């Protein structure tokens, strides 16, 4: 996130006049090799999820959290853009002075500043969990975001990545720069808080244990790999913060609906458009969603399938298959 205000000119006077809060030492790793109590000899040494990246610049220079969330939502089938997330769903608070005291957001729950500004800071996992649920709830989706802060880094790999579930994690920017305590301000509740410079949010997408690499979708630099031991340490330094989204598909288990291509539990024109895009090879559906799209059961995904789903979405007579349950075995 544009170094997340490593040394803030905005708060230089505060740093000069205020005694800094004591730094909390980072937890030390006993070792950097990947080990897990749940691991078995059969576990694969490499896993990489196909996650499309979105860059935060130029619109959101300090908005890595909103962009990382957008990357995750898009991967899960939710059609939303980064600016809509940042402007409409992200809790945020600008800084202000009152009676000689500088006030700002509690970045654990609220974005400090404006992510569209270079002079903002950021937010932590609970804020992004709230942001995700604001979006899901407001749009009638039954999926839910969970703050899984405190989860061991290796546990994320075998409990989530191994199960094809990407996870938002908090690390640092500038090639995993060591974090440091910088600006101090007071929250509206009267609590003094201090910012950790280089705070950054990415989507964890995979690992390669043979080469000790971790893969992430990074809003600053794109899809990239980092050293396993170093990124694990930065994850610990930032408080082991992580967010996971449970989708409608997970809530239903292996049950799907013919014509519901985005897995939101509804059949709308958006599903029709996805089928149309697949028919001209602009999407890359898995086998299950190819089956859900072929509503006329002719073995091909064509504009005719898209039209049938569109008719169903506006309550016109359509193929009887649409809306029926499909059990994946």
Protein backbone atom coordinates (compact mmCIF):
# COMPACT_ATOMS: atom_id res chain seq x y z
CA UNK A 1 0.00 0.00 0.00
CA UNK A 2 2.24 2.89 -1.07
CA UNK A 3 4.32 2.16 2.04
CA UNK A 4 1.27 3.10 4.12
CA UNK A 5 2.70 6.32 5.36
CA UNK A 6 5.99 5.04 6.72
CA UNK A 7 6.85 8.42 8.22
CA UNK A 8 3.83 10.69 8.03
CA UNK A 9 4.36 14.36 7.39
CA UNK A 10 0.78 14.81 8.42
CA UNK A 11 1.55 13.61 11.90
CA UNK A 12 5.12 14.80 12.33
CA UNK A 13 4.01 17.27 14.96
CA UNK A 14 2.19 14.53 16.83
CA UNK A 15 5.26 12.30 16.82
CA UNK A 16 7.38 15.19 18.05
CA UNK A 17 5.04 16.18 20.90
CA UNK A 18 3.70 12.74 21.92
CA UNK A 19 5.54 9.96 23.65
CA UNK A 20 5.37 6.92 21.42
CA UNK A 21 3.52 3.90 22.69
CA UNK A 22 5.86 1.05 23.59
CA UNK A 23 6.66 -1.20 20.67
CA UNK A 24 5.44 -4.76 20.88
CA UNK A 25 8.24 -7.13 19.87
CA UNK A 26 7.45 -9.44 16.99
CA UNK A 27 7.05 -13.10 17.89
CA UNK A 28 10.09 -15.07 16.86
CA UNK A 29 9.78 -18.15 14.68
CA UNK A 30 11.44 -21.28 15.95
CA UNK A 31 12.02 -22.43 12.41
CA UNK A 32 11.11 -21.50 8.87
CA UNK A 33 10.43 -24.94 7.49
CA UNK A 34 6.81 -25.85 6.82
CA UNK A 35 5.43 -28.24 9.41
CA UNK A 36 1.89 -29.00 10.50
CA UNK A 37 0.38 -31.32 13.07
CA UNK A 38 -2.29 -32.22 10.55
CA UNK A 39 0.11 -32.85 7.69
CA UNK A 40 0.47 -36.32 6.31
CA UNK A 41 2.97 -37.91 4.01
CA UNK A 42 0.43 -37.71 1.23
CA UNK A 43 0.15 -33.94 1.24
CA UNK A 44 1.18 -32.25 -1.96
CA UNK A 45 4.21 -29.99 -1.81
CA UNK A 46 2.71 -27.47 -4.19
CA UNK A 47 -0.68 -25.80 -4.58
CA UNK A 48 -1.62 -22.72 -6.59
CA UNK A 49 -5.11 -21.30 -7.02
CA UNK A 50 -5.96 -19.45 -10.22
CA UNK A 51 -6.80 -16.00 -8.83
CA UNK A 52 -6.97 -12.95 -11.09
CA UNK A 53 -5.24 -9.87 -9.74
CA UNK A 54 -6.52 -6.28 -9.51
CA UNK A 55 -4.12 -3.37 -9.04
CA UNK A 56 -4.90 -0.66 -6.48
CA UNK A 57 -3.24 2.18 -8.42
CA UNK A 58 -4.10 4.76 -9.50
CA UNK A 59 -7.53 5.00 -7.91
CA UNK A 60 -6.79 3.57 -4.44
CA UNK A 61 -3.17 4.38 -3.52
CA UNK A 62 -3.72 3.42 0.12
CA UNK A 63 -6.62 1.03 -0.47
CA UNK A 64 -4.92 -2.36 -0.60
CA UNK A 65 -7.44 -3.86 1.84
CA UNK A 66 -10.45 -2.91 -0.30
CA UNK A 67 -8.71 -4.11 -3.45
CA UNK A 68 -7.59 -7.41 -1.90
CA UNK A 69 -11.19 -7.96 -0.77
CA UNK A 70 -12.40 -7.21 -4.31
CA UNK A 71 -9.91 -9.75 -5.70
CA UNK A 72 -11.26 -12.35 -3.29
CA UNK A 73 -14.91 -11.55 -3.98
CA UNK A 74 -14.41 -11.66 -7.76
CA UNK A 75 -12.64 -15.01 -7.48
CA UNK A 76 -15.60 -16.38 -5.53
CA UNK A 77 -18.01 -15.26 -8.25
CA UNK A 78 -19.27 -11.95 -6.83
CA UNK A 79 -19.26 -9.23 -9.49
CA UNK A 80 -18.11 -6.08 -7.74
CA UNK A 81 -15.46 -3.43 -8.45
CA UNK A 82 -12.83 -2.02 -6.09
CA UNK A 83 -14.18 1.54 -6.02
CA UNK A 84 -17.68 0.40 -5.11
CA UNK A 85 -16.26 -1.59 -2.21
CA UNK A 86 -14.10 1.32 -1.03
CA UNK A 87 -16.74 4.01 -1.44
CA UNK A 88 -19.96 2.26 -0.48
CA UNK A 89 -19.12 -0.52 1.97
CA UNK A 90 -15.83 0.27 3.72
CA UNK A 91 -16.22 1.96 7.16
CA UNK A 92 -13.85 4.94 7.20
CA UNK A 93 -13.12 8.07 9.19
CA UNK A 94 -11.06 11.15 8.32
CA UNK A 95 -8.73 12.74 10.87
CA UNK A 96 -9.79 15.85 12.78
CA UNK A 97 -8.59 18.11 15.61
CA UNK A 98 -10.70 18.82 18.70
CA UNK A 99 -9.51 20.80 21.73
CA UNK A 100 -5.93 20.43 20.58
CA UNK A 101 -6.17 16.64 20.25
CA UNK A 102 -5.80 14.81 16.94
CA UNK A 103 -8.55 12.22 16.45
CA UNK A 104 -8.70 9.43 13.91
CA UNK A 105 -10.17 6.01 13.26
CA UNK A 106 -9.63 2.92 15.35
CA UNK A 107 -8.04 1.14 12.40
CA UNK A 108 -8.99 -2.23 13.84
CA UNK A 109 -12.61 -1.53 12.92
CA UNK A 110 -12.53 1.53 10.64
CA UNK A 111 -10.29 2.67 7.78
CA UNK A 112 -8.04 5.54 8.92
CA UNK A 113 -8.44 8.26 6.31
CA UNK A 114 -9.61 7.86 2.71
CA UNK A 115 -8.20 5.01 0.56
CA UNK A 116 -8.39 7.29 -2.48
CA UNK A 117 -5.77 9.56 -0.88
CA UNK A 118 -1.99 9.09 -0.71
CA UNK A 119 -2.16 10.55 2.80
CA UNK A 120 -4.26 7.79 4.38
CA UNK A 121 -3.29 4.79 6.45
CA UNK A 122 -5.41 1.66 6.34
CA UNK A 123 -7.37 -0.86 8.40
CA UNK A 124 -7.20 -4.29 9.95
CA UNK A 125 -9.04 -7.57 9.58
CA UNK A 126 -12.22 -6.75 11.51
CA UNK A 127 -12.82 -3.67 9.36
CA UNK A 128 -12.57 -5.73 6.17
CA UNK A 129 -14.75 -8.48 7.64
CA UNK A 130 -17.40 -5.83 8.26
CA UNK A 131 -16.89 -4.42 4.75
CA UNK A 132 -17.40 -7.83 3.14
CA UNK A 133 -20.51 -8.55 5.18
CA UNK A 134 -21.91 -5.09 4.42
CA UNK A 135 -21.63 -5.93 0.72
CA UNK A 136 -22.98 -9.49 1.04
CA UNK A 137 -25.91 -8.50 3.25
CA UNK A 138 -26.89 -5.40 1.28
CA UNK A 139 -27.06 -7.40 -1.93
CA UNK A 140 -29.02 -10.33 -0.54
CA UNK A 141 -26.21 -12.89 -0.63
CA UNK A 142 -26.15 -15.61 2.01
CA UNK A 143 -22.35 -15.89 2.06
CA UNK A 144 -20.50 -14.59 5.10
CA UNK A 145 -17.04 -13.23 5.92
CA UNK A 146 -15.21 -14.39 9.04
CA UNK A 147 -12.34 -12.77 10.90
CA UNK A 148 -9.99 -15.70 11.50
CA UNK A 149 -7.22 -13.60 13.06
CA UNK A 150 -4.91 -15.70 15.21
CA UNK A 151 -4.91 -18.65 12.80
CA UNK A 152 -1.47 -20.23 12.45
CA UNK A 153 0.05 -19.50 9.04
CA UNK A 154 0.58 -23.18 8.21
CA UNK A 155 -3.00 -23.94 9.25
CA UNK A 156 -4.23 -21.49 6.61
CA UNK A 157 -2.30 -23.50 4.01
CA UNK A 158 -3.76 -26.89 4.87
CA UNK A 159 -7.22 -25.80 6.12
CA UNK A 160 -7.96 -23.29 3.35
CA UNK A 161 -5.54 -23.25 0.42
CA UNK A 162 -5.50 -27.06 0.18
CA UNK A 163 -9.30 -26.88 -0.07
CA UNK A 164 -9.19 -24.30 -2.89
CA UNK A 165 -10.14 -21.41 -0.59
CA UNK A 166 -8.02 -18.23 -0.89
CA UNK A 167 -7.64 -16.12 2.26
CA UNK A 168 -6.92 -12.44 2.92
CA UNK A 169 -3.83 -11.97 5.09
CA UNK A 170 -2.02 -8.94 6.49
CA UNK A 171 1.71 -8.67 5.81
CA UNK A 172 3.92 -5.70 4.83
CA UNK A 173 4.64 -3.91 1.56
CA UNK A 174 7.94 -2.93 -0.09
CA UNK A 175 9.11 -6.51 -0.55
CA UNK A 176 8.09 -7.54 2.99
CA UNK A 177 9.82 -4.64 4.68
CA UNK A 178 10.18 -4.95 8.45
CA UNK A 179 7.37 -3.06 10.14
CA UNK A 180 7.86 -0.21 12.59
CA UNK A 181 5.67 1.89 14.86
CA UNK A 182 5.07 5.45 13.64
CA UNK A 183 2.10 7.82 13.92
CA UNK A 184 -0.01 8.21 17.06
CA UNK A 185 -3.55 9.54 17.39
CA UNK A 186 -6.65 9.23 19.56
CA UNK A 187 -9.78 7.32 18.57
CA UNK A 188 -13.28 8.79 19.07
CA UNK A 189 -13.53 6.52 22.13
CA UNK A 190 -10.50 8.18 23.69
CA UNK A 191 -7.97 5.40 23.12
CA UNK A 192 -4.48 6.25 21.88
CA UNK A 193 -3.39 4.04 19.00
CA UNK A 194 -0.18 3.80 17.02
CA UNK A 195 0.24 2.84 13.39
CA UNK A 196 2.53 0.08 12.10
CA UNK A 197 4.21 1.33 8.93
CA UNK A 198 4.27 -0.81 5.77
CA UNK A 199 0.97 -2.52 6.70
CA UNK A 200 -0.34 -4.34 3.64
CA UNK A 201 -3.15 -6.73 2.69
CA UNK A 202 -2.93 -9.47 0.04
CA UNK A 203 -4.77 -12.62 -1.02
CA UNK A 204 -2.93 -15.83 -0.12
CA UNK A 205 -3.27 -18.12 -3.16
CA UNK A 206 -0.76 -20.98 -2.87
CA UNK A 207 2.57 -22.45 -1.85
CA UNK A 208 5.55 -24.39 -3.14
CA UNK A 209 7.22 -26.21 -0.25
CA UNK A 210 10.03 -27.64 -2.36
CA UNK A 211 11.23 -24.12 -3.13
CA UNK A 212 9.99 -22.53 0.13
CA UNK A 213 7.69 -20.09 -1.70
CA UNK A 214 4.30 -18.61 -0.88
CA UNK A 215 2.08 -17.25 -3.66
CA UNK A 216 -0.13 -14.19 -3.21
CA UNK A 217 -2.26 -11.88 -5.31
CA UNK A 218 -0.79 -8.51 -4.32
CA UNK A 219 -2.69 -5.28 -5.21
CA UNK A 220 0.63 -3.41 -5.47
CA UNK A 221 2.66 -5.74 -7.69
CA UNK A 222 0.33 -8.41 -9.08
CA UNK A 223 0.46 -12.17 -8.66
CA UNK A 224 3.83 -12.92 -7.10
CA UNK A 225 5.74 -15.36 -4.91
CA UNK A 226 7.55 -14.51 -1.67
CA UNK A 227 9.97 -16.41 0.55
CA UNK A 228 8.00 -18.72 2.84
CA UNK A 229 9.86 -17.92 6.05
CA UNK A 230 9.84 -14.17 5.51
CA UNK A 231 6.16 -13.82 4.64
CA UNK A 232 5.25 -16.04 7.58
CA UNK A 233 7.22 -13.75 9.88
CA UNK A 234 5.54 -10.63 8.51
CA UNK A 235 2.15 -12.30 8.97
CA UNK A 236 3.07 -12.83 12.62
CA UNK A 237 4.43 -9.29 12.94
CA UNK A 238 1.05 -7.94 11.80
CA UNK A 239 -0.84 -9.95 14.41
CA UNK A 240 -1.74 -13.06 12.36
CA UNK A 241 -4.66 -11.24 10.77
CA UNK A 242 -6.74 -13.13 8.22
CA UNK A 243 -10.23 -13.07 6.68
CA UNK A 244 -12.10 -15.89 4.95
CA UNK A 245 -15.42 -15.78 3.07
CA UNK A 246 -17.83 -18.69 3.23
CA UNK A 247 -19.80 -18.73 -0.02
CA UNK A 248 -23.34 -19.82 -0.78
CA UNK A 249 -21.86 -22.88 -2.44
CA UNK A 250 -20.17 -23.95 0.80
CA UNK A 251 -23.37 -23.35 2.74
CA UNK A 252 -25.23 -25.62 0.32
CA UNK A 253 -22.52 -28.25 0.27
CA UNK A 254 -22.39 -30.01 -3.09
CA UNK A 255 -25.85 -28.86 -4.13
CA UNK A 256 -26.18 -26.46 -7.08
CA UNK A 257 -29.00 -24.95 -9.13
CA UNK A 258 -29.31 -25.15 -12.90
CA UNK A 259 -28.93 -21.65 -14.31
CA UNK A 260 -27.40 -20.18 -11.12
CA UNK A 261 -23.91 -19.65 -12.48
CA UNK A 262 -22.60 -17.13 -9.94
CA UNK A 263 -23.73 -19.33 -7.00
CA UNK A 264 -25.67 -16.57 -5.25
CA UNK A 265 -28.82 -18.67 -4.83
CA UNK A 266 -30.72 -16.63 -7.44
CA UNK A 267 -31.16 -16.80 -11.19
CA UNK A 268 -30.75 -13.36 -12.74
CA UNK A 269 -29.64 -11.65 -15.92
CA UNK A 270 -26.08 -11.81 -14.53
CA UNK A 271 -26.18 -15.60 -14.85
CA UNK A 272 -27.43 -15.26 -18.41
CA UNK A 273 -24.55 -12.93 -19.25
CA UNK A 274 -22.01 -15.34 -17.78
CA UNK A 275 -23.39 -18.16 -19.91
CA UNK A 276 -23.24 -15.95 -22.99
CA UNK A 277 -19.60 -15.08 -22.19
CA UNK A 278 -18.79 -18.77 -21.77
CA UNK A 279 -20.39 -19.53 -25.13
CA UNK A 280 -17.80 -17.29 -26.82
CA UNK A 281 -14.91 -18.46 -24.61
CA UNK A 282 -14.68 -15.29 -22.50
CA UNK A 283 -15.12 -17.34 -19.32
CA UNK A 284 -13.48 -20.56 -18.18
CA UNK A 285 -16.13 -22.55 -16.29
CA UNK A 286 -15.35 -25.69 -14.33
CA UNK A 287 -17.19 -28.89 -15.23
CA UNK A 288 -19.96 -28.29 -12.69
CA UNK A 289 -20.80 -24.84 -14.03
CA UNK A 290 -20.64 -26.04 -17.60
CA UNK A 291 -23.35 -28.54 -16.62
CA UNK A 292 -25.38 -25.82 -14.89
CA UNK A 293 -25.11 -23.67 -18.04
CA UNK A 294 -26.21 -26.28 -20.55
CA UNK A 295 -29.87 -25.93 -19.60
CA UNK A 296 -31.19 -27.37 -22.88
CA UNK A 297 -28.97 -30.47 -22.37
CA UNK A 298 -27.69 -30.55 -25.93
CA UNK A 299 -24.06 -30.92 -24.86
CA UNK A 300 -23.09 -27.38 -25.86
CA UNK A 301 -23.15 -24.01 -24.13
CA UNK A 302 -24.66 -21.51 -26.55
CA UNK A 303 -26.56 -18.23 -26.68
CA UNK A 304 -29.73 -20.34 -26.64
CA UNK A 305 -28.91 -21.44 -23.07
CA UNK A 306 -28.24 -17.83 -22.10
CA UNK A 307 -31.57 -16.75 -23.57
CA UNK A 308 -33.48 -19.45 -21.66
CA UNK A 309 -31.91 -18.33 -18.39
CA UNK A 310 -32.70 -14.70 -19.19
CA UNK A 311 -36.35 -15.61 -19.87
CA UNK A 312 -36.50 -17.46 -16.55
CA UNK A 313 -35.03 -14.44 -14.71
CA UNK A 314 -37.90 -12.21 -15.92
CA UNK A 315 -40.53 -14.92 -15.32
CA UNK A 316 -41.20 -15.80 -18.94
CA UNK A 317 -41.75 -19.41 -20.03
CA UNK A 318 -38.38 -21.18 -20.20
CA UNK A 319 -36.66 -24.56 -20.07
CA UNK A 320 -37.98 -26.75 -17.24
CA UNK A 321 -34.46 -27.65 -16.11
CA UNK A 322 -33.71 -24.13 -14.92
CA UNK A 323 -34.11 -23.71 -11.18
CA UNK A 324 -33.85 -27.42 -10.42
CA UNK A 325 -31.26 -28.76 -8.00
CA UNK A 326 -28.10 -30.40 -9.28
CA UNK A 327 -26.19 -32.67 -6.92
CA UNK A 328 -22.48 -32.91 -7.61
CA UNK A 329 -21.07 -36.33 -6.77
